[in-house]
């Protein structure tokens, strides 16, 4: 292509498009991020490159890779996005109203088994606050406002977030009654059929316990989430290590080992520093923190 036209200035929508393609590596992934269809993203990129007279991406059969010029454009877009999001967070942080939406990100175990009953009375206390609950085992990026609050089971909080550990948690080995009837209750732990977590969950305390106590040869099924492992235990595939607040609540499961905590591992309620003065964020963090702390005995399997 010829040299860029200095009179052509990309819009923010153009820059967002470039950034989305760079992050996703394809038009399809970018379209999903932007809430557009594939052809709209293609037309926007094609028109932008034509106006600038510069190729921003090397186009492969299944992927798009930034050119040098594209890297410059994507870097500028990322800086603009960071500034806009920081300004947005600072404005939200000054919001003194007990109204609006709070985006909460949490894991499958917490979001499906612990939080629902704890959130039951929140709408009655704060009728003008709406909660959006996102269940994702990956720690999302609060700096990009993917969420306002993260409730996570972890050893420690990420450096860029603020919050506190509300409670420790404990785990134990559980089996379904149908499995125990088939396998027998008097087996040594190492002789049972075990359900394990895959490498993506190797950091979880349940995975650490299994590595320390059970021969890997006894693990014939591996799962990428604790919720999937729970379903495997319920299906009588074998024995699995689960959080006590999940295993003890299931009347079809039998606990086979004493509860064990894992160092500093516990439940954290976290937010971004820019949001700590927001009235609705403070209200939610304080409320959910108090409710989780009140359940500590249950979380520890006591």
Protein backbone atom coordinates (compact mmCIF):
# COMPACT_ATOMS: atom_id res chain seq x y z
CA UNK A 1 0.00 0.00 0.00
CA UNK A 2 1.04 3.64 -0.44
CA UNK A 3 1.86 6.01 2.41
CA UNK A 4 -0.90 6.90 4.92
CA UNK A 5 -3.05 9.91 4.25
CA UNK A 6 -2.27 12.41 7.06
CA UNK A 7 -5.75 13.89 6.76
CA UNK A 8 -7.42 10.62 7.72
CA UNK A 9 -8.00 10.18 11.46
CA UNK A 10 -9.28 6.82 12.77
CA UNK A 11 -12.34 7.00 15.00
CA UNK A 12 -12.52 5.31 18.39
CA UNK A 13 -14.73 2.64 16.80
CA UNK A 14 -11.95 1.99 14.28
CA UNK A 15 -9.38 1.66 17.06
CA UNK A 16 -11.63 -0.65 19.08
CA UNK A 17 -11.98 -2.83 16.00
CA UNK A 18 -8.21 -3.08 15.55
CA UNK A 19 -7.72 -3.84 19.25
CA UNK A 20 -10.40 -6.54 19.24
CA UNK A 21 -8.87 -8.28 16.22
CA UNK A 22 -5.40 -8.07 17.78
CA UNK A 23 -6.67 -9.59 21.03
CA UNK A 24 -8.82 -12.26 19.44
CA UNK A 25 -6.50 -13.14 16.58
CA UNK A 26 -9.40 -13.50 14.14
CA UNK A 27 -12.41 -11.65 12.76
CA UNK A 28 -14.79 -14.08 14.44
CA UNK A 29 -13.31 -13.56 17.89
CA UNK A 30 -13.29 -9.78 17.36
CA UNK A 31 -16.92 -9.82 16.22
CA UNK A 32 -17.89 -11.65 19.40
CA UNK A 33 -16.05 -9.12 21.59
CA UNK A 34 -17.64 -6.16 19.79
CA UNK A 35 -21.14 -7.59 19.50
CA UNK A 36 -21.03 -7.33 15.69
CA UNK A 37 -21.22 -9.86 12.90
CA UNK A 38 -18.18 -11.17 11.04
CA UNK A 39 -18.84 -9.20 7.84
CA UNK A 40 -19.23 -5.89 9.70
CA UNK A 41 -15.80 -6.28 11.30
CA UNK A 42 -14.28 -7.22 7.93
CA UNK A 43 -15.81 -4.18 6.22
CA UNK A 44 -14.68 -1.82 8.99
CA UNK A 45 -11.09 -3.10 8.87
CA UNK A 46 -11.03 -3.08 5.07
CA UNK A 47 -12.32 0.51 4.95
CA UNK A 48 -9.84 1.65 7.61
CA UNK A 49 -6.86 0.13 5.80
CA UNK A 50 -8.07 1.69 2.55
CA UNK A 51 -8.37 5.14 4.13
CA UNK A 52 -4.98 4.92 5.84
CA UNK A 53 -3.38 3.20 2.81
CA UNK A 54 -1.62 0.88 5.25
CA UNK A 55 -1.94 -2.86 5.90
CA UNK A 56 -2.62 -3.34 9.63
CA UNK A 57 -2.81 -7.14 9.67
CA UNK A 58 -1.18 -10.02 7.85
CA UNK A 59 -4.18 -12.15 6.96
CA UNK A 60 -3.79 -15.92 7.25
CA UNK A 61 -6.38 -18.59 6.52
CA UNK A 62 -7.49 -18.79 10.14
CA UNK A 63 -5.76 -15.91 11.91
CA UNK A 64 -4.87 -12.23 11.69
CA UNK A 65 -1.41 -11.05 12.80
CA UNK A 66 -0.47 -7.41 13.39
CA UNK A 67 1.95 -5.71 11.03
CA UNK A 68 4.38 -3.12 12.41
CA UNK A 69 1.89 -0.39 11.51
CA UNK A 70 -0.88 -2.42 13.10
CA UNK A 71 1.12 -2.77 16.32
CA UNK A 72 1.42 1.01 16.52
CA UNK A 73 -2.33 1.38 16.04
CA UNK A 74 -3.17 -1.35 18.58
CA UNK A 75 -0.80 0.16 21.17
CA UNK A 76 -2.45 3.56 20.77
CA UNK A 77 -5.90 1.96 21.08
CA UNK A 78 -4.86 0.12 24.23
CA UNK A 79 -3.60 3.32 25.85
CA UNK A 80 -6.81 5.16 24.97
CA UNK A 81 -8.89 2.29 26.34
CA UNK A 82 -6.91 2.24 29.59
CA UNK A 83 -7.37 5.99 30.07
CA UNK A 84 -11.10 5.82 29.32
CA UNK A 85 -11.63 2.90 31.71
CA UNK A 86 -9.59 4.58 34.45
CA UNK A 87 -11.70 7.74 34.10
CA UNK A 88 -14.86 5.63 34.22
CA UNK A 89 -13.72 3.86 37.38
CA UNK A 90 -12.84 7.16 39.07
CA UNK A 91 -16.27 8.55 38.25
CA UNK A 92 -17.96 5.39 39.56
CA UNK A 93 -15.83 5.59 42.68
CA UNK A 94 -17.41 8.95 43.51
CA UNK A 95 -20.95 7.61 43.07
CA UNK A 96 -22.75 8.02 46.40
CA UNK A 97 -26.05 6.54 45.24
CA UNK A 98 -27.25 3.15 46.47
CA UNK A 99 -28.52 2.31 43.01
CA UNK A 100 -27.27 0.95 39.72
CA UNK A 101 -25.70 -2.30 38.56
CA UNK A 102 -22.89 -4.29 40.17
CA UNK A 103 -21.12 -6.88 38.03
CA UNK A 104 -19.89 -9.73 40.24
CA UNK A 105 -17.50 -12.40 38.99
CA UNK A 106 -17.06 -15.66 40.88
CA UNK A 107 -16.24 -19.35 40.46
CA UNK A 108 -18.60 -22.23 39.76
CA UNK A 109 -18.43 -23.64 43.30
CA UNK A 110 -19.12 -20.27 44.93
CA UNK A 111 -21.59 -19.01 42.36
CA UNK A 112 -23.68 -22.17 42.21
CA UNK A 113 -23.46 -23.48 45.77
CA UNK A 114 -22.58 -20.73 48.26
CA UNK A 115 -23.72 -17.32 47.05
CA UNK A 116 -27.35 -17.82 45.88
CA UNK A 117 -28.89 -18.25 49.35
CA UNK A 118 -26.68 -15.48 50.74
CA UNK A 119 -27.90 -13.04 48.09
CA UNK A 120 -31.57 -13.77 48.72
CA UNK A 121 -32.23 -10.76 50.96
CA UNK A 122 -29.94 -8.26 49.24
CA UNK A 123 -32.65 -6.94 46.84
CA UNK A 124 -34.94 -6.28 49.81
CA UNK A 125 -32.26 -4.24 51.59
CA UNK A 126 -31.09 -2.44 48.44
CA UNK A 127 -34.02 -2.50 45.98
CA UNK A 128 -32.38 -0.10 43.50
CA UNK A 129 -29.17 -2.15 43.08
CA UNK A 130 -29.09 -4.84 40.40
CA UNK A 131 -26.59 -7.72 40.60
CA UNK A 132 -25.14 -9.33 37.48
CA UNK A 133 -23.48 -12.61 38.45
CA UNK A 134 -20.86 -14.00 36.08
CA UNK A 135 -19.50 -17.50 36.76
CA UNK A 136 -15.99 -17.95 35.42
CA UNK A 137 -13.12 -19.87 37.00
CA UNK A 138 -10.62 -17.49 35.37
CA UNK A 139 -9.77 -14.35 37.36
CA UNK A 140 -11.19 -11.65 35.13
CA UNK A 141 -9.63 -8.23 34.58
CA UNK A 142 -11.23 -5.68 36.90
CA UNK A 143 -9.09 -2.93 35.37
CA UNK A 144 -11.07 -3.37 32.13
CA UNK A 145 -14.38 -3.36 34.03
CA UNK A 146 -15.18 -6.96 33.10
CA UNK A 147 -16.57 -6.94 36.65
CA UNK A 148 -16.81 -4.58 39.62
CA UNK A 149 -16.36 -7.20 42.35
CA UNK A 150 -14.59 -10.56 42.27
CA UNK A 151 -15.37 -13.26 44.83
CA UNK A 152 -12.65 -15.86 44.59
CA UNK A 153 -11.14 -18.82 46.41
CA UNK A 154 -7.40 -18.16 46.40
CA UNK A 155 -4.17 -18.09 48.41
CA UNK A 156 -3.81 -14.32 48.13
CA UNK A 157 -5.27 -11.30 46.39
CA UNK A 158 -3.73 -10.03 43.13
CA UNK A 159 -1.56 -6.96 43.72
CA UNK A 160 -3.74 -4.67 41.58
CA UNK A 161 -6.93 -5.35 43.59
CA UNK A 162 -8.01 -4.51 47.12
CA UNK A 163 -10.11 -6.57 49.49
CA UNK A 164 -9.76 -9.13 52.22
CA UNK A 165 -9.94 -12.81 52.91
CA UNK A 166 -13.32 -13.41 54.51
CA UNK A 167 -12.97 -17.02 55.55
CA UNK A 168 -10.81 -20.08 55.20
CA UNK A 169 -12.26 -23.13 53.46
CA UNK A 170 -11.70 -26.86 53.87
CA UNK A 171 -11.95 -29.80 51.50
CA UNK A 172 -12.42 -33.54 51.93
CA UNK A 173 -12.84 -36.68 49.84
CA UNK A 174 -16.43 -37.64 48.96
CA UNK A 175 -18.10 -40.56 47.23
CA UNK A 176 -21.62 -41.31 46.10
CA UNK A 177 -23.46 -44.09 47.93
CA UNK A 178 -23.86 -46.06 44.71
CA UNK A 179 -20.09 -46.01 44.17
CA UNK A 180 -19.41 -47.14 47.76
CA UNK A 181 -21.91 -49.96 47.40
CA UNK A 182 -20.08 -51.12 44.28
CA UNK A 183 -16.52 -50.55 45.48
CA UNK A 184 -16.92 -51.30 49.18
CA UNK A 185 -16.47 -48.92 52.11
CA UNK A 186 -13.47 -50.66 53.66
CA UNK A 187 -10.99 -49.97 50.85
CA UNK A 188 -7.84 -48.03 51.61
CA UNK A 189 -7.87 -44.55 50.04
CA UNK A 190 -5.20 -45.48 47.50
CA UNK A 191 -7.31 -48.42 46.28
CA UNK A 192 -10.35 -46.36 45.29
CA UNK A 193 -11.10 -45.07 41.80
CA UNK A 194 -10.35 -41.34 41.92
CA UNK A 195 -11.56 -38.35 39.95
CA UNK A 196 -8.93 -35.67 39.40
CA UNK A 197 -8.63 -32.13 38.05
CA UNK A 198 -6.70 -31.49 34.84
CA UNK A 199 -3.60 -29.31 34.45
CA UNK A 200 -5.63 -26.11 34.10
CA UNK A 201 -6.75 -26.60 37.73
CA UNK A 202 -3.40 -27.80 39.13
CA UNK A 203 -3.26 -24.77 41.47
CA UNK A 204 -6.45 -25.78 43.32
CA UNK A 205 -5.97 -27.19 46.84
CA UNK A 206 -8.09 -30.19 45.87
CA UNK A 207 -5.58 -31.02 43.12
CA UNK A 208 -2.66 -30.55 45.51
CA UNK A 209 -4.20 -32.91 48.08
CA UNK A 210 -4.73 -35.60 45.46
CA UNK A 211 -1.13 -35.36 44.24
CA UNK A 212 0.11 -35.84 47.82
CA UNK A 213 -2.19 -38.71 48.86
CA UNK A 214 -3.22 -40.75 45.82
CA UNK A 215 -1.19 -42.57 43.13
CA UNK A 216 -1.87 -40.92 39.78
CA UNK A 217 -2.49 -44.37 38.30
CA UNK A 218 -5.74 -44.49 40.30
CA UNK A 219 -7.06 -41.34 38.54
CA UNK A 220 -8.95 -42.43 35.42
CA UNK A 221 -11.06 -39.29 34.90
CA UNK A 222 -9.90 -35.67 34.86
CA UNK A 223 -12.06 -32.54 34.79
CA UNK A 224 -11.43 -28.85 34.06
CA UNK A 225 -13.67 -27.55 36.86
CA UNK A 226 -14.79 -28.53 40.34
CA UNK A 227 -18.42 -28.41 39.23
CA UNK A 228 -17.71 -31.01 36.54
CA UNK A 229 -15.84 -33.12 39.10
CA UNK A 230 -18.82 -32.88 41.45
CA UNK A 231 -21.10 -34.22 38.72
CA UNK A 232 -18.65 -37.08 38.19
CA UNK A 233 -18.80 -37.95 41.90
CA UNK A 234 -22.60 -37.79 41.83
CA UNK A 235 -22.57 -40.14 38.83
CA UNK A 236 -20.63 -42.70 40.93
CA UNK A 237 -17.55 -42.58 38.68
CA UNK A 238 -15.28 -42.55 41.71
CA UNK A 239 -14.06 -40.56 44.72
CA UNK A 240 -13.36 -36.84 44.42
CA UNK A 241 -11.97 -34.07 46.63
CA UNK A 242 -14.53 -31.29 47.03
CA UNK A 243 -15.02 -28.19 49.16
CA UNK A 244 -16.80 -29.24 52.36
CA UNK A 245 -19.56 -26.67 51.92
CA UNK A 246 -20.48 -28.47 48.67
CA UNK A 247 -19.93 -32.11 49.65
CA UNK A 248 -21.59 -31.86 53.07
CA UNK A 249 -24.70 -30.25 51.57
CA UNK A 250 -25.28 -33.17 49.19
CA UNK A 251 -27.17 -35.90 51.04
CA UNK A 252 -26.22 -38.46 48.41
CA UNK A 253 -22.50 -38.10 49.16
CA UNK A 254 -20.45 -39.58 51.99
CA UNK A 255 -17.36 -37.89 53.41
CA UNK A 256 -14.39 -40.29 53.48
CA UNK A 257 -11.62 -38.11 54.97
CA UNK A 258 -11.43 -35.39 57.65
CA UNK A 259 -11.68 -31.77 56.46
CA UNK A 260 -8.34 -30.17 55.60
CA UNK A 261 -7.50 -26.52 55.02
CA UNK A 262 -4.75 -25.47 52.62
CA UNK A 263 -2.50 -22.81 54.16
CA UNK A 264 -3.85 -19.33 53.54
CA UNK A 265 -6.33 -20.52 50.92
CA UNK A 266 -9.73 -18.96 51.49
CA UNK A 267 -12.55 -16.85 50.07
CA UNK A 268 -11.63 -13.31 49.05
CA UNK A 269 -13.94 -10.42 48.17
CA UNK A 270 -12.06 -8.04 45.87
CA UNK A 271 -12.58 -4.85 43.92
CA UNK A 272 -10.52 -2.26 42.06
CA UNK A 273 -9.03 0.57 44.17
CA UNK A 274 -10.84 3.18 42.06
CA UNK A 275 -14.21 1.69 43.05
CA UNK A 276 -13.73 1.47 46.80
CA UNK A 277 -15.62 4.75 47.45
CA UNK A 278 -18.66 3.79 45.37
CA UNK A 279 -21.61 3.52 47.76
CA UNK A 280 -23.19 0.52 46.05
CA UNK A 281 -19.87 -1.33 45.82
CA UNK A 282 -19.19 -0.70 49.52
CA UNK A 283 -22.69 -1.84 50.43
CA UNK A 284 -22.36 -5.07 48.48
CA UNK A 285 -18.81 -5.89 49.64
CA UNK A 286 -19.72 -5.30 53.29
CA UNK A 287 -22.98 -7.26 53.05
CA UNK A 288 -21.59 -10.29 51.25
CA UNK A 289 -18.46 -10.31 53.41
CA UNK A 290 -20.55 -10.43 56.59
CA UNK A 291 -22.74 -13.21 55.24
CA UNK A 292 -19.79 -15.35 54.10
CA UNK A 293 -18.01 -14.88 57.44
CA UNK A 294 -21.12 -16.07 59.26
CA UNK A 295 -20.87 -19.34 57.30
CA UNK A 296 -17.25 -20.09 58.27
CA UNK A 297 -18.06 -23.22 60.29
CA UNK A 298 -19.92 -24.59 57.28
CA UNK A 299 -17.01 -23.65 54.98
CA UNK A 300 -14.59 -25.49 57.25
CA UNK A 301 -16.73 -28.63 57.36
CA UNK A 302 -17.34 -28.31 61.09
